[in-house]
Amino acid sequence: QVQLVESGGGLVQAGGSLRLSCAASGRPFSRYVMGWFRQAPGKEREFVAGISWSGSSTYYADSVKGRFTISRDNSKNTVYLQMSSLKPEDTAVYYCAAKVLGREVTTSPRDFGSWGQGTQVTVSS
C-alpha cells in the first residue's frame, strides 16, 4: 500500500493560481498511475487529471483542460497539480490517488486503491 499526503490547498480569488502537491511513501512510487480527483459538497467525486508512470502521458477532464497541469517527480515521490485561471466552480476538496493495478490512466475512482486525506480549495468570486 502507498500512503499519500496532499498539501497546497487554500483560498484564492477567481483567476488566481494554486499548486497542489501529493507526497507518496511506501511502495515504489514510479510504479503507480496517479490521479487527482475532486469532490464538491453534495456532488460525486470526479476525475480531474491523471498521469502515467513515466509522466509521458497525461489526461484531463474537459472542465479543466487548458487550465490545470498534472506532473510528477519520481525522484521525489511527488505528484503535482498546477491550477491556473481558477473559477468558483473549481471549489472542492481535492484528492490524489494511486492506481495499484494496470498501466493505463483511467478516470473512475473505483480504479484507484490508495487515497490521500484531501485538501480544500476554495475559489472566491
Protein backbone atom coordinates (compact mmCIF):
# COMPACT_ATOMS: atom_id res chain seq x y z
CA GLN A 1 0.00 0.00 0.00
CA VAL A 2 1.16 3.53 -0.70
CA GLN A 3 0.45 6.41 1.65
CA LEU A 4 -0.46 9.78 0.16
CA VAL A 5 -0.48 13.24 1.73
CA GLU A 6 -1.80 16.28 -0.15
CA SER A 7 -0.84 19.89 0.52
CA GLY A 8 -1.16 23.30 -1.10
CA GLY A 9 -4.87 23.95 -0.89
CA GLY A 10 -6.31 27.25 0.26
CA LEU A 11 -8.45 30.24 -0.56
CA VAL A 12 -7.83 32.09 -3.81
CA GLN A 13 -9.70 34.65 -5.88
CA ALA A 14 -11.16 33.76 -9.25
CA GLY A 15 -8.50 33.94 -11.91
CA GLY A 16 -5.76 33.03 -9.45
CA SER A 17 -3.48 30.02 -9.23
CA LEU A 18 -2.59 27.28 -6.78
CA ARG A 19 -0.25 24.33 -6.89
CA LEU A 20 -1.21 21.16 -5.09
CA SER A 21 1.36 18.58 -4.08
CA CYS A 22 0.92 14.95 -3.15
CA ALA A 23 3.77 13.19 -1.39
CA ALA A 24 3.85 9.40 -1.50
CA SER A 25 5.51 6.89 0.76
CA GLY A 26 5.53 3.12 0.91
CA ARG A 27 5.81 1.10 -2.27
CA PRO A 28 7.86 2.38 -5.24
CA PHE A 29 6.04 5.48 -6.41
CA SER A 30 7.16 5.20 -10.01
CA ARG A 31 5.03 2.06 -10.50
CA TYR A 32 1.75 3.84 -9.95
CA VAL A 33 -0.51 5.68 -12.30
CA MET A 34 -1.51 8.78 -10.33
CA GLY A 35 -4.64 10.83 -10.44
CA TRP A 36 -6.23 13.92 -8.99
CA PHE A 37 -9.94 13.92 -8.15
CA ARG A 38 -12.20 16.46 -6.52
CA GLN A 39 -15.46 16.43 -4.63
CA ALA A 40 -17.71 19.41 -4.07
CA PRO A 41 -20.43 19.42 -1.40
CA GLY A 42 -23.41 17.36 -2.49
CA LYS A 43 -21.65 16.05 -5.58
CA GLU A 44 -19.91 12.84 -6.51
CA ARG A 45 -16.15 12.58 -6.62
CA GLU A 46 -14.95 13.40 -10.11
CA PHE A 47 -11.79 12.86 -12.12
CA VAL A 48 -9.63 15.93 -12.68
CA ALA A 49 -6.33 14.73 -14.14
CA GLY A 50 -4.18 11.63 -14.46
CA ILE A 51 -0.59 10.85 -15.31
CA SER A 52 1.21 7.70 -16.41
CA TRP A 53 4.11 6.01 -14.65
CA SER A 54 6.77 7.93 -16.51
CA GLY A 55 4.84 11.16 -16.79
CA SER A 56 4.86 10.97 -20.58
CA SER A 57 1.06 10.69 -20.80
CA THR A 58 -1.43 13.00 -19.14
CA TYR A 59 -5.22 13.20 -19.25
CA TYR A 60 -7.62 15.90 -18.14
CA ALA A 61 -11.30 16.40 -17.55
CA ASP A 62 -12.78 18.72 -20.12
CA SER A 63 -13.67 21.19 -17.40
CA VAL A 64 -10.01 21.80 -16.51
CA LYS A 65 -8.26 21.23 -19.81
CA GLY A 66 -6.00 24.15 -20.66
CA ARG A 67 -6.09 25.48 -17.09
CA PHE A 68 -4.65 22.64 -14.98
CA THR A 69 -1.40 20.75 -15.42
CA ILE A 70 -0.50 17.47 -13.75
CA SER A 71 3.12 16.45 -13.37
CA ARG A 72 5.24 14.11 -11.28
CA ASP A 73 8.75 13.87 -9.96
CA ASN A 74 9.52 10.21 -9.33
CA SER A 75 12.81 11.09 -7.64
CA LYS A 76 10.83 13.00 -5.02
CA ASN A 77 7.85 10.61 -4.88
CA THR A 78 5.57 13.55 -5.56
CA VAL A 79 2.79 14.39 -7.98
CA TYR A 80 1.65 17.96 -8.59
CA LEU A 81 -1.43 19.73 -9.86
CA GLN A 82 -0.81 23.26 -11.10
CA MET A 83 -4.13 25.09 -11.27
CA SER A 84 -4.48 28.38 -13.11
CA SER A 85 -7.37 30.62 -14.12
CA LEU A 86 -9.33 29.21 -11.23
CA LYS A 87 -13.09 29.55 -11.20
CA PRO A 88 -15.60 29.40 -8.31
CA GLU A 89 -16.84 26.09 -9.71
CA ASP A 90 -13.38 24.61 -9.04
CA THR A 91 -14.13 24.86 -5.32
CA ALA A 92 -13.90 21.36 -3.84
CA VAL A 93 -11.82 19.02 -1.74
CA TYR A 94 -9.03 17.74 -3.96
CA TYR A 95 -7.68 14.22 -3.53
CA CYS A 96 -4.71 12.49 -5.04
CA ALA A 97 -4.93 8.78 -5.69
CA ALA A 98 -2.73 5.91 -6.78
CA LYS A 99 -3.86 3.22 -9.18
CA VAL A 100 -2.43 -0.05 -7.96
CA LEU A 101 -3.18 -2.25 -10.96
CA GLY A 102 -2.71 -1.52 -14.62
CA ARG A 103 -0.67 0.93 -16.63
CA GLU A 104 -3.46 2.88 -18.27
CA VAL A 105 -4.69 6.18 -16.93
CA THR A 106 -8.37 5.72 -16.17
CA THR A 107 -10.93 8.12 -14.81
CA SER A 108 -13.08 6.06 -12.45
CA PRO A 109 -12.41 6.49 -8.72
CA ARG A 110 -13.05 2.74 -8.36
CA ASP A 111 -9.82 2.02 -10.25
CA PHE A 112 -7.68 3.79 -7.65
CA GLY A 113 -6.82 1.89 -4.50
CA SER A 114 -4.96 4.42 -2.36
CA TRP A 115 -6.18 7.89 -1.47
CA GLY A 116 -4.91 10.90 0.40
CA GLN A 117 -6.93 12.73 3.03
CA GLY A 118 -7.77 15.61 0.70
CA THR A 119 -7.02 19.32 0.65
CA GLN A 120 -9.63 22.08 0.41
CA VAL A 121 -9.53 24.50 -2.50
CA THR A 122 -11.88 27.47 -2.30
CA VAL A 123 -12.18 29.96 -5.15
CA SER A 124 -13.98 33.19 -4.36
CA SER A 125 -15.75 35.24 -6.99
